[in-house]
Amino acid sequence: MEWRVWRQVLATCTEDAPMMGMRLLAGHHLSVEAKPGGAVEITPLP
């Protein structure tokens, strides 16, 4: 992700296992508007 400025972020590595909760999204598309009040949409993949 390119923000055009440096930002410090915390990241977690899980090797090859999905993070908790990610398994619930298997077979779905996740769309997030990363802004206050932004929409979040989860739809099944074809």
N, C-alpha and C. Protein backbone atom coordinates (compact mmCIF):
# COMPACT_ATOMS: atom_id res chain seq x y z
N MET A 1 0.84 -1.16 0.00
CA MET A 1 0.00 0.00 0.00
C MET A 1 0.89 1.23 0.00
N GLU A 2 0.61 2.17 -0.84
CA GLU A 2 1.42 3.38 -0.94
C GLU A 2 0.62 4.58 -0.45
N TRP A 3 1.10 5.19 0.64
CA TRP A 3 0.44 6.36 1.21
C TRP A 3 1.15 7.65 0.84
N ARG A 4 2.30 7.54 0.19
CA ARG A 4 3.14 8.69 -0.19
C ARG A 4 3.79 9.37 1.00
N VAL A 5 3.59 8.84 2.19
CA VAL A 5 4.29 9.27 3.40
C VAL A 5 4.60 8.02 4.19
N TRP A 6 5.64 8.07 5.03
CA TRP A 6 5.97 6.93 5.87
C TRP A 6 5.02 6.87 7.04
N ARG A 7 4.48 5.69 7.33
CA ARG A 7 3.63 5.47 8.51
C ARG A 7 4.09 4.21 9.20
N GLN A 8 4.12 4.24 10.51
CA GLN A 8 4.48 3.07 11.27
C GLN A 8 3.22 2.24 11.49
N VAL A 9 3.31 0.95 11.18
CA VAL A 9 2.17 0.05 11.34
C VAL A 9 2.61 -1.21 12.07
N LEU A 10 1.68 -1.86 12.74
CA LEU A 10 1.93 -3.13 13.39
C LEU A 10 1.42 -4.24 12.48
N ALA A 11 2.25 -5.21 12.17
CA ALA A 11 1.86 -6.33 11.31
C ALA A 11 2.11 -7.64 12.03
N THR A 12 1.28 -8.62 11.76
CA THR A 12 1.40 -9.94 12.37
C THR A 12 1.56 -10.97 11.27
N CYS A 13 2.52 -11.86 11.41
CA CYS A 13 2.75 -12.93 10.45
C CYS A 13 2.22 -14.24 11.04
N THR A 14 1.52 -15.02 10.22
CA THR A 14 0.96 -16.28 10.71
C THR A 14 1.46 -17.49 9.92
N GLU A 15 2.56 -17.34 9.18
CA GLU A 15 3.09 -18.40 8.34
C GLU A 15 2.05 -18.77 7.29
N ASP A 16 1.57 -20.03 7.26
CA ASP A 16 0.61 -20.43 6.23
C ASP A 16 -0.80 -20.62 6.77
N ALA A 17 -1.02 -20.36 8.06
CA ALA A 17 -2.35 -20.53 8.65
C ALA A 17 -3.12 -19.22 8.59
N PRO A 18 -4.41 -19.26 8.28
CA PRO A 18 -5.18 -18.01 8.26
C PRO A 18 -5.33 -17.45 9.66
N MET A 19 -5.41 -16.13 9.73
CA MET A 19 -5.63 -15.49 11.03
C MET A 19 -7.05 -15.82 11.50
N MET A 20 -7.26 -15.80 12.81
CA MET A 20 -8.56 -16.12 13.36
C MET A 20 -9.62 -15.22 12.73
N GLY A 21 -10.71 -15.78 12.28
CA GLY A 21 -11.77 -15.04 11.65
C GLY A 21 -11.67 -15.01 10.13
N MET A 22 -10.47 -15.14 9.58
CA MET A 22 -10.32 -15.13 8.13
C MET A 22 -10.97 -16.35 7.49
N ARG A 23 -11.01 -17.46 8.19
CA ARG A 23 -11.62 -18.67 7.65
C ARG A 23 -13.10 -18.43 7.37
N LEU A 24 -13.74 -17.55 8.14
CA LEU A 24 -15.15 -17.25 7.92
C LEU A 24 -15.38 -16.54 6.59
N LEU A 25 -14.33 -15.91 6.04
CA LEU A 25 -14.45 -15.20 4.78
C LEU A 25 -14.13 -16.07 3.57
N ALA A 26 -13.73 -17.32 3.79
CA ALA A 26 -13.40 -18.21 2.68
C ALA A 26 -14.58 -18.29 1.72
N GLY A 27 -14.30 -18.10 0.43
CA GLY A 27 -15.35 -18.16 -0.58
C GLY A 27 -16.15 -16.87 -0.72
N HIS A 28 -15.64 -15.79 -0.14
CA HIS A 28 -16.35 -14.52 -0.18
C HIS A 28 -15.42 -13.39 -0.61
N HIS A 29 -16.00 -12.31 -1.08
CA HIS A 29 -15.25 -11.09 -1.42
C HIS A 29 -15.53 -10.07 -0.32
N LEU A 30 -14.47 -9.46 0.20
CA LEU A 30 -14.58 -8.45 1.25
C LEU A 30 -14.21 -7.10 0.67
N SER A 31 -15.11 -6.13 0.79
CA SER A 31 -14.87 -4.77 0.32
C SER A 31 -14.98 -3.83 1.51
N VAL A 32 -13.96 -2.98 1.70
CA VAL A 32 -13.93 -2.06 2.83
C VAL A 32 -13.58 -0.66 2.33
N GLU A 33 -14.40 0.33 2.65
CA GLU A 33 -14.05 1.72 2.42
C GLU A 33 -13.36 2.20 3.69
N ALA A 34 -12.05 2.38 3.62
CA ALA A 34 -11.25 2.71 4.81
C ALA A 34 -11.35 4.19 5.12
N LYS A 35 -12.52 4.61 5.60
CA LYS A 35 -12.75 5.98 6.00
C LYS A 35 -13.82 5.99 7.08
N PRO A 36 -13.88 7.00 7.90
CA PRO A 36 -14.93 7.05 8.92
C PRO A 36 -16.31 6.92 8.28
N GLY A 37 -17.10 5.99 8.77
CA GLY A 37 -18.44 5.76 8.23
C GLY A 37 -18.44 5.01 6.91
N GLY A 38 -17.26 4.50 6.49
CA GLY A 38 -17.14 3.79 5.22
C GLY A 38 -17.91 2.48 5.23
N ALA A 39 -18.30 2.06 4.05
CA ALA A 39 -19.09 0.83 3.89
C ALA A 39 -18.21 -0.41 3.99
N VAL A 40 -18.77 -1.50 4.48
CA VAL A 40 -18.14 -2.81 4.50
C VAL A 40 -19.13 -3.77 3.86
N GLU A 41 -18.68 -4.53 2.85
CA GLU A 41 -19.57 -5.43 2.15
C GLU A 41 -18.90 -6.79 2.00
N ILE A 42 -19.63 -7.85 2.34
CA ILE A 42 -19.16 -9.23 2.17
C ILE A 42 -20.14 -9.92 1.25
N THR A 43 -19.64 -10.41 0.10
CA THR A 43 -20.49 -11.07 -0.86
C THR A 43 -19.87 -12.41 -1.26
N PRO A 44 -20.70 -13.42 -1.55
CA PRO A 44 -20.17 -14.73 -1.95
C PRO A 44 -19.48 -14.64 -3.31
N LEU A 45 -18.41 -15.39 -3.48
CA LEU A 45 -17.74 -15.49 -4.77
C LEU A 45 -18.54 -16.43 -5.67
N PRO A 46 -18.50 -16.19 -6.98
CA PRO A 46 -19.24 -17.08 -7.90
C PRO A 46 -18.65 -18.47 -7.91
